[in-house]
Amino acid sequence: MSEQGLLTVGDVAALAQLSTKTIRRAIDRGDLAASKLGGCVRIRREDVDDWIERSRIPAARRTPLPARSAAANNGLRELLRRPSA
């Protein structure tokens, strides 16, 4: 990485623990901003950080299970205890 914060596709792939193919696809789709300088693709560190932030998945909210009634807890047991008629 240079002092100006420009990264290669390989640098970004290593940083994000993804393949270079995945990084190139993100650039081709327009998801990740990049520049072509002298025939070489370069990505600013800020653009990588923005891309990662935009890709965040919100944490799932866990909903509590409904409280069980006494009948629900023992329903099968009660059926098995009843004498057959």
N, C-alpha and C. Protein backbone atom coordinates (compact mmCIF):
# COMPACT_ATOMS: atom_id res chain seq x y z
N MET A 1 0.85 -1.19 0.00
CA MET A 1 0.00 0.00 0.00
C MET A 1 0.89 1.23 0.00
N SER A 2 0.51 2.22 -0.73
CA SER A 2 1.30 3.45 -0.78
C SER A 2 0.88 4.39 0.33
N GLU A 3 1.64 5.46 0.49
CA GLU A 3 1.35 6.44 1.54
C GLU A 3 0.05 7.18 1.29
N GLN A 4 -0.38 7.27 0.03
CA GLN A 4 -1.60 8.01 -0.29
C GLN A 4 -2.86 7.20 -0.03
N GLY A 5 -2.72 5.97 0.42
CA GLY A 5 -3.88 5.17 0.73
C GLY A 5 -4.49 4.46 -0.46
N LEU A 6 -3.73 4.30 -1.55
CA LEU A 6 -4.24 3.59 -2.71
C LEU A 6 -3.91 2.10 -2.57
N LEU A 7 -4.91 1.28 -2.83
CA LEU A 7 -4.76 -0.17 -2.69
C LEU A 7 -4.94 -0.84 -4.04
N THR A 8 -4.32 -1.97 -4.20
CA THR A 8 -4.55 -2.79 -5.39
C THR A 8 -5.75 -3.69 -5.12
N VAL A 9 -6.22 -4.35 -6.16
CA VAL A 9 -7.32 -5.31 -6.00
C VAL A 9 -6.88 -6.41 -5.03
N GLY A 10 -5.64 -6.85 -5.15
CA GLY A 10 -5.12 -7.88 -4.24
C GLY A 10 -5.07 -7.41 -2.80
N ASP A 11 -4.69 -6.13 -2.58
CA ASP A 11 -4.67 -5.57 -1.23
C ASP A 11 -6.07 -5.59 -0.61
N VAL A 12 -7.06 -5.16 -1.40
CA VAL A 12 -8.44 -5.11 -0.90
C VAL A 12 -8.95 -6.52 -0.62
N ALA A 13 -8.62 -7.45 -1.50
CA ALA A 13 -9.05 -8.84 -1.31
C ALA A 13 -8.46 -9.39 -0.01
N ALA A 14 -7.20 -9.13 0.24
CA ALA A 14 -6.57 -9.61 1.47
C ALA A 14 -7.17 -8.93 2.69
N LEU A 15 -7.42 -7.64 2.58
CA LEU A 15 -7.99 -6.88 3.69
C LEU A 15 -9.38 -7.38 4.06
N ALA A 16 -10.19 -7.65 3.04
CA ALA A 16 -11.58 -8.08 3.26
C ALA A 16 -11.72 -9.60 3.35
N GLN A 17 -10.63 -10.32 3.19
CA GLN A 17 -10.64 -11.78 3.20
C GLN A 17 -11.62 -12.33 2.16
N LEU A 18 -11.51 -11.76 0.95
CA LEU A 18 -12.32 -12.18 -0.18
C LEU A 18 -11.39 -12.47 -1.35
N SER A 19 -11.92 -13.05 -2.40
CA SER A 19 -11.11 -13.32 -3.58
C SER A 19 -10.99 -12.04 -4.43
N THR A 20 -9.95 -12.01 -5.26
CA THR A 20 -9.80 -10.87 -6.16
C THR A 20 -10.96 -10.81 -7.16
N LYS A 21 -11.50 -11.96 -7.49
CA LYS A 21 -12.65 -12.01 -8.41
C LYS A 21 -13.86 -11.30 -7.79
N THR A 22 -14.08 -11.51 -6.50
CA THR A 22 -15.19 -10.86 -5.81
C THR A 22 -15.00 -9.34 -5.79
N ILE A 23 -13.76 -8.89 -5.57
CA ILE A 23 -13.47 -7.46 -5.55
C ILE A 23 -13.70 -6.87 -6.94
N ARG A 24 -13.23 -7.55 -7.98
CA ARG A 24 -13.42 -7.05 -9.35
C ARG A 24 -14.91 -6.99 -9.72
N ARG A 25 -15.67 -7.97 -9.26
CA ARG A 25 -17.12 -7.95 -9.53
C ARG A 25 -17.77 -6.75 -8.84
N ALA A 26 -17.36 -6.46 -7.60
CA ALA A 26 -17.92 -5.31 -6.88
C ALA A 26 -17.59 -4.02 -7.61
N ILE A 27 -16.38 -3.94 -8.17
CA ILE A 27 -16.01 -2.75 -8.95
C ILE A 27 -16.84 -2.68 -10.22
N ASP A 28 -16.97 -3.79 -10.93
CA ASP A 28 -17.75 -3.81 -12.18
C ASP A 28 -19.22 -3.45 -11.95
N ARG A 29 -19.79 -3.87 -10.82
CA ARG A 29 -21.19 -3.56 -10.50
C ARG A 29 -21.36 -2.11 -10.04
N GLY A 30 -20.25 -1.46 -9.70
CA GLY A 30 -20.33 -0.10 -9.19
C GLY A 30 -20.51 -0.04 -7.69
N ASP A 31 -20.41 -1.18 -7.02
CA ASP A 31 -20.54 -1.20 -5.56
C ASP A 31 -19.30 -0.64 -4.87
N LEU A 32 -18.14 -0.85 -5.47
CA LEU A 32 -16.87 -0.39 -4.91
C LEU A 32 -16.22 0.56 -5.90
N ALA A 33 -15.98 1.79 -5.48
CA ALA A 33 -15.37 2.79 -6.35
C ALA A 33 -13.90 2.46 -6.55
N ALA A 34 -13.42 2.64 -7.78
CA ALA A 34 -12.02 2.38 -8.12
C ALA A 34 -11.61 3.31 -9.25
N SER A 35 -10.29 3.45 -9.41
CA SER A 35 -9.73 4.26 -10.49
C SER A 35 -8.77 3.42 -11.29
N LYS A 36 -8.67 3.73 -12.58
CA LYS A 36 -7.70 3.04 -13.42
C LYS A 36 -6.59 4.05 -13.73
N LEU A 37 -5.42 3.81 -13.18
CA LEU A 37 -4.29 4.72 -13.34
C LEU A 37 -3.20 4.00 -14.12
N GLY A 38 -2.93 4.48 -15.33
CA GLY A 38 -1.90 3.86 -16.14
C GLY A 38 -2.16 2.39 -16.41
N GLY A 39 -3.42 2.03 -16.52
CA GLY A 39 -3.77 0.64 -16.80
C GLY A 39 -3.90 -0.22 -15.55
N CYS A 40 -3.63 0.34 -14.37
CA CYS A 40 -3.72 -0.41 -13.11
C CYS A 40 -4.91 0.08 -12.30
N VAL A 41 -5.67 -0.86 -11.76
CA VAL A 41 -6.82 -0.51 -10.93
C VAL A 41 -6.33 -0.21 -9.52
N ARG A 42 -6.77 0.92 -8.98
CA ARG A 42 -6.42 1.32 -7.62
C ARG A 42 -7.68 1.74 -6.89
N ILE A 43 -7.72 1.42 -5.60
CA ILE A 43 -8.89 1.71 -4.77
C ILE A 43 -8.43 2.49 -3.55
N ARG A 44 -9.14 3.57 -3.24
CA ARG A 44 -8.81 4.34 -2.04
C ARG A 44 -9.29 3.60 -0.80
N ARG A 45 -8.54 3.67 0.26
CA ARG A 45 -8.89 3.01 1.52
C ARG A 45 -10.26 3.51 2.01
N GLU A 46 -10.52 4.79 1.84
CA GLU A 46 -11.81 5.35 2.26
C GLU A 46 -12.97 4.70 1.51
N ASP A 47 -12.76 4.41 0.22
CA ASP A 47 -13.80 3.76 -0.57
C ASP A 47 -14.05 2.33 -0.11
N VAL A 48 -12.99 1.66 0.31
CA VAL A 48 -13.14 0.30 0.85
C VAL A 48 -13.94 0.36 2.15
N ASP A 49 -13.60 1.30 3.02
CA ASP A 49 -14.32 1.44 4.29
C ASP A 49 -15.79 1.76 4.06
N ASP A 50 -16.06 2.65 3.10
CA ASP A 50 -17.46 2.99 2.77
C ASP A 50 -18.21 1.78 2.24
N TRP A 51 -17.57 1.02 1.37
CA TRP A 51 -18.18 -0.18 0.79
C TRP A 51 -18.51 -1.19 1.88
N ILE A 52 -17.60 -1.40 2.79
CA ILE A 52 -17.85 -2.33 3.90
C ILE A 52 -19.00 -1.84 4.76
N GLU A 53 -19.03 -0.55 5.05
CA GLU A 53 -20.10 0.01 5.89
C GLU A 53 -21.46 -0.12 5.20
N ARG A 54 -21.52 0.13 3.89
CA ARG A 54 -22.79 0.01 3.15
C ARG A 54 -23.26 -1.44 3.06
N SER A 55 -22.34 -2.38 3.22
CA SER A 55 -22.67 -3.80 3.10
C SER A 55 -23.10 -4.43 4.42
N ARG A 56 -23.13 -3.64 5.47
CA ARG A 56 -23.47 -4.19 6.79
C ARG A 56 -24.88 -4.76 6.80
N ILE A 57 -25.02 -5.84 7.51
CA ILE A 57 -26.32 -6.49 7.70
C ILE A 57 -26.77 -6.16 9.11
N PRO A 58 -27.98 -5.63 9.27
CA PRO A 58 -28.43 -5.31 10.63
C PRO A 58 -28.55 -6.58 11.47
N ALA A 59 -28.25 -6.42 12.74
CA ALA A 59 -28.34 -7.56 13.66
C ALA A 59 -29.80 -8.01 13.76
N ALA A 60 -29.98 -9.31 13.78
CA ALA A 60 -31.34 -9.86 13.89
C ALA A 60 -31.86 -9.63 15.31
N ARG A 61 -33.08 -9.27 15.39
CA ARG A 61 -33.71 -9.09 16.71
C ARG A 61 -34.41 -10.38 17.08
N ARG A 62 -34.07 -10.87 18.23
CA ARG A 62 -34.69 -12.11 18.69
C ARG A 62 -35.99 -11.77 19.40
N THR A 63 -37.05 -12.42 19.01
CA THR A 63 -38.33 -12.22 19.68
C THR A 63 -38.52 -13.35 20.69
N PRO A 64 -38.95 -13.01 21.88
CA PRO A 64 -39.13 -14.06 22.89
C PRO A 64 -40.24 -15.00 22.48
N LEU A 65 -40.10 -16.24 22.86
CA LEU A 65 -41.14 -17.24 22.61
C LEU A 65 -42.32 -16.96 23.52
N PRO A 66 -43.53 -17.26 23.04
CA PRO A 66 -44.69 -17.04 23.91
C PRO A 66 -44.62 -17.98 25.11
N ALA A 67 -45.15 -17.50 26.22
CA ALA A 67 -45.15 -18.30 27.45
C ALA A 67 -46.03 -19.53 27.24
N ARG A 68 -45.57 -20.64 27.77
CA ARG A 68 -46.35 -21.88 27.66
C ARG A 68 -47.35 -21.97 28.81
N SER A 69 -48.51 -22.46 28.48
CA SER A 69 -49.50 -22.68 29.54
C SER A 69 -49.26 -24.06 30.14
N ALA A 70 -49.84 -24.32 31.29
CA ALA A 70 -49.68 -25.62 31.95
C ALA A 70 -50.22 -26.73 31.06
N ALA A 71 -51.29 -26.46 30.34
CA ALA A 71 -51.87 -27.48 29.48
C ALA A 71 -50.92 -27.82 28.32
N ALA A 72 -50.24 -26.82 27.80
CA ALA A 72 -49.32 -27.05 26.71
C ALA A 72 -48.12 -27.86 27.18
N ASN A 73 -47.68 -27.63 28.41
CA ASN A 73 -46.54 -28.37 28.93
C ASN A 73 -46.85 -29.83 29.18
N ASN A 74 -48.09 -30.12 29.56
CA ASN A 74 -48.43 -31.49 29.95
C ASN A 74 -49.47 -32.13 29.05
N GLY A 75 -49.75 -31.55 27.92
CA GLY A 75 -50.82 -32.06 27.06
C GLY A 75 -50.62 -33.49 26.62
N LEU A 76 -49.45 -33.86 26.12
CA LEU A 76 -49.19 -35.22 25.67
C LEU A 76 -49.18 -36.17 26.85
N ARG A 77 -48.59 -35.76 27.93
CA ARG A 77 -48.54 -36.63 29.12
C ARG A 77 -49.94 -36.95 29.62
N GLU A 78 -50.80 -35.94 29.62
CA GLU A 78 -52.18 -36.15 30.07
C GLU A 78 -52.91 -37.14 29.17
N LEU A 79 -52.70 -37.03 27.87
CA LEU A 79 -53.34 -37.96 26.95
C LEU A 79 -52.85 -39.38 27.18
N LEU A 80 -51.59 -39.56 27.45
CA LEU A 80 -51.03 -40.89 27.66
C LEU A 80 -51.46 -41.48 29.00
N ARG A 81 -51.75 -40.66 29.98
CA ARG A 81 -52.16 -41.15 31.32
C ARG A 81 -53.62 -41.57 31.36
N ARG A 82 -54.42 -41.03 30.48
CA ARG A 82 -55.86 -41.33 30.52
C ARG A 82 -56.07 -42.81 30.21
N PRO A 83 -56.89 -43.44 30.99
CA PRO A 83 -57.20 -44.85 30.70
C PRO A 83 -58.02 -44.97 29.42
N SER A 84 -57.78 -46.02 28.70
CA SER A 84 -58.53 -46.24 27.47
C SER A 84 -59.91 -46.73 27.82
N ALA A 85 -60.89 -46.28 27.08
CA ALA A 85 -62.26 -46.68 27.37
C ALA A 85 -62.71 -47.76 26.44
